[in-house]
Amino acid sequence: MGFSRRSWEPQGRCGVVRCSRDVWGLWVLQRFYRAVFDPAPPVQPPGGPQPRARRLAALLNRSLRVRMSDGRTLVGAFLCTDRDANIILGSAQEFLKAADAFPGSEPRVLGLAMVPGHHIVSIEVERDAAAALCS
């Protein structure tokens, strides 16, 4: 479906479909509203979430230390992941490998960072301060 230049009326394959701008705009707004504010409910597998999904959900918003293949280390809050093992970290800080870093150098603040899965060497979960005091 396209639009004619002069009148901005939608055109179908069989010719021009006459439609006023107000009706067309209302239809577009309704579609947008349904897509944004009335999403389909999430589909849960029978028996609840799988063990891997529960394990990942337990790590959400926890502080992770991610070591990358080039020697850098990123520390930040775990926000999400995907099938390709890409990781999104919030409030991330980058630490360079010890050989390249100057003595006393500070971490570089990145903010929101996406780490490609094929560059991840290891992932460590930082313990909470309360858990560290108890052990």
Protein backbone atom coordinates (compact mmCIF):
# COMPACT_ATOMS: atom_id res chain seq x y z
CA MET A 1 0.00 0.00 0.00
CA GLY A 2 1.40 3.37 -0.95
CA PHE A 3 0.34 7.00 -0.85
CA SER A 4 -0.30 9.42 -3.67
CA ARG A 5 1.82 12.54 -3.45
CA ARG A 6 -0.89 15.12 -3.87
CA SER A 7 -3.65 13.97 -1.56
CA TRP A 8 -1.93 11.46 0.74
CA GLU A 9 -4.69 8.97 0.07
CA PRO A 10 -3.79 5.31 0.41
CA GLN A 11 -3.50 3.46 -2.90
CA GLY A 12 -4.19 -0.25 -3.27
CA ARG A 13 -3.32 -2.58 -6.13
CA CYS A 14 -6.66 -2.00 -7.85
CA GLY A 15 -6.46 1.78 -7.78
CA VAL A 16 -7.00 4.61 -5.38
CA VAL A 17 -8.91 3.80 -2.22
CA ARG A 18 -10.74 6.96 -1.16
CA CYS A 19 -10.25 7.71 2.51
CA SER A 20 -10.27 11.02 4.33
CA ARG A 21 -7.17 12.07 6.22
CA ASP A 22 -9.03 12.11 9.55
CA VAL A 23 -10.22 8.51 9.22
CA TRP A 24 -6.80 7.33 8.07
CA GLY A 25 -5.07 9.13 10.97
CA LEU A 26 -7.56 7.70 13.46
CA TRP A 27 -6.97 4.18 12.12
CA VAL A 28 -3.18 4.61 12.46
CA LEU A 29 -3.54 5.92 16.03
CA GLN A 30 -5.80 3.00 16.97
CA ARG A 31 -3.30 0.48 15.60
CA PHE A 32 -0.46 2.19 17.47
CA TYR A 33 -2.47 2.28 20.71
CA ARG A 34 -3.32 -1.42 20.45
CA ALA A 35 0.29 -2.36 19.74
CA VAL A 36 1.72 -0.33 22.62
CA PHE A 37 -0.90 -0.37 25.36
CA ASP A 38 -2.77 -3.63 24.73
CA PRO A 39 0.01 -6.20 24.20
CA ALA A 40 -0.83 -9.87 24.13
CA PRO A 41 -0.31 -11.58 27.48
CA PRO A 42 3.01 -13.44 27.72
CA VAL A 43 2.77 -17.14 27.01
CA GLN A 44 3.99 -19.28 29.90
CA PRO A 45 5.03 -22.87 29.27
CA PRO A 46 2.99 -25.46 31.19
CA GLY A 47 4.36 -25.91 34.69
CA GLY A 48 5.83 -22.41 34.93
CA PRO A 49 9.19 -21.06 33.78
CA GLN A 50 12.03 -23.45 33.01
CA PRO A 51 14.94 -23.81 35.49
CA ARG A 52 17.32 -21.85 33.23
CA ALA A 53 14.85 -18.98 32.98
CA ARG A 54 14.44 -18.94 36.77
CA ARG A 55 18.22 -18.88 37.20
CA LEU A 56 18.54 -15.94 34.81
CA ALA A 57 15.64 -14.12 36.47
CA ALA A 58 17.42 -14.45 39.82
CA LEU A 59 20.44 -12.63 38.32
CA LEU A 60 18.47 -9.64 37.05
CA ASN A 61 19.76 -6.31 38.42
CA ARG A 62 22.64 -8.10 40.17
CA SER A 63 26.16 -6.83 39.64
CA LEU A 64 28.15 -8.91 37.11
CA ARG A 65 31.84 -8.89 36.21
CA VAL A 66 32.28 -9.83 32.55
CA ARG A 67 35.76 -10.60 31.21
CA MET A 68 36.15 -10.12 27.48
CA SER A 69 38.45 -11.78 24.95
CA ASP A 70 40.53 -8.60 24.48
CA GLY A 71 41.39 -8.45 28.20
CA ARG A 72 38.93 -5.76 29.27
CA THR A 73 36.59 -6.30 32.21
CA LEU A 74 33.14 -4.75 32.45
CA VAL A 75 31.29 -4.43 35.76
CA GLY A 76 27.61 -3.49 35.77
CA ALA A 77 24.04 -4.47 36.56
CA PHE A 78 22.71 -7.40 34.50
CA LEU A 79 19.66 -6.16 32.57
CA CYS A 80 19.01 -8.73 29.83
CA THR A 81 20.40 -11.33 27.46
CA ASP A 82 19.33 -13.04 24.24
CA ARG A 83 19.76 -16.32 22.35
CA ASP A 84 23.21 -15.38 21.08
CA ALA A 85 24.44 -14.85 24.68
CA ASN A 86 24.77 -11.10 24.18
CA ILE A 87 24.52 -9.31 27.52
CA ILE A 88 23.23 -5.83 28.36
CA LEU A 89 24.80 -4.22 31.43
CA GLY A 90 23.49 -1.06 33.06
CA SER A 91 25.72 1.47 34.84
CA ALA A 92 28.72 -0.34 33.37
CA GLN A 93 32.33 0.51 34.09
CA GLU A 94 35.25 -0.65 31.96
CA PHE A 95 38.53 -1.79 33.49
CA LEU A 96 41.54 -2.29 31.21
CA LYS A 97 43.83 -5.27 31.54
CA ALA A 98 46.63 -4.75 34.05
CA ALA A 99 49.45 -4.66 31.44
CA ASP A 100 47.90 -1.71 29.57
CA ALA A 101 46.58 0.24 32.54
CA PHE A 102 48.56 2.99 34.18
CA PRO A 103 49.09 2.58 37.91
CA GLY A 104 46.23 4.18 39.79
CA SER A 105 44.06 4.56 36.69
CA GLU A 106 40.34 4.90 37.24
CA PRO A 107 37.66 2.86 35.47
CA ARG A 108 35.99 4.32 32.42
CA VAL A 109 32.25 4.86 32.93
CA LEU A 110 30.24 3.50 30.00
CA GLY A 111 26.66 3.59 31.28
CA LEU A 112 24.55 1.15 29.24
CA ALA A 113 26.74 -1.42 27.45
CA MET A 114 26.07 -4.38 25.17
CA VAL A 115 28.65 -7.16 25.29
CA PRO A 116 28.60 -9.53 22.28
CA GLY A 117 28.37 -13.16 23.36
CA HIS A 118 31.29 -14.33 21.24
CA HIS A 119 33.64 -11.92 23.10
CA ILE A 120 32.71 -13.14 26.60
CA VAL A 121 35.39 -15.22 28.31
CA SER A 122 33.92 -15.44 31.82
CA ILE A 123 31.08 -14.05 33.91
CA GLU A 124 31.19 -13.64 37.68
CA VAL A 125 28.33 -12.60 39.95
CA GLU A 126 29.42 -10.18 42.62
CA ARG A 127 28.14 -11.12 46.06
CA ASP A 128 25.89 -8.72 47.93
CA ALA A 129 27.36 -6.80 50.85
CA ALA A 130 24.92 -8.54 53.23
CA ALA A 131 25.92 -11.99 51.97
CA ALA A 132 29.62 -11.11 52.28
CA LEU A 133 29.15 -10.13 55.94
CA CYS A 134 27.35 -13.37 56.79
CA SER A 135 30.00 -15.70 55.35
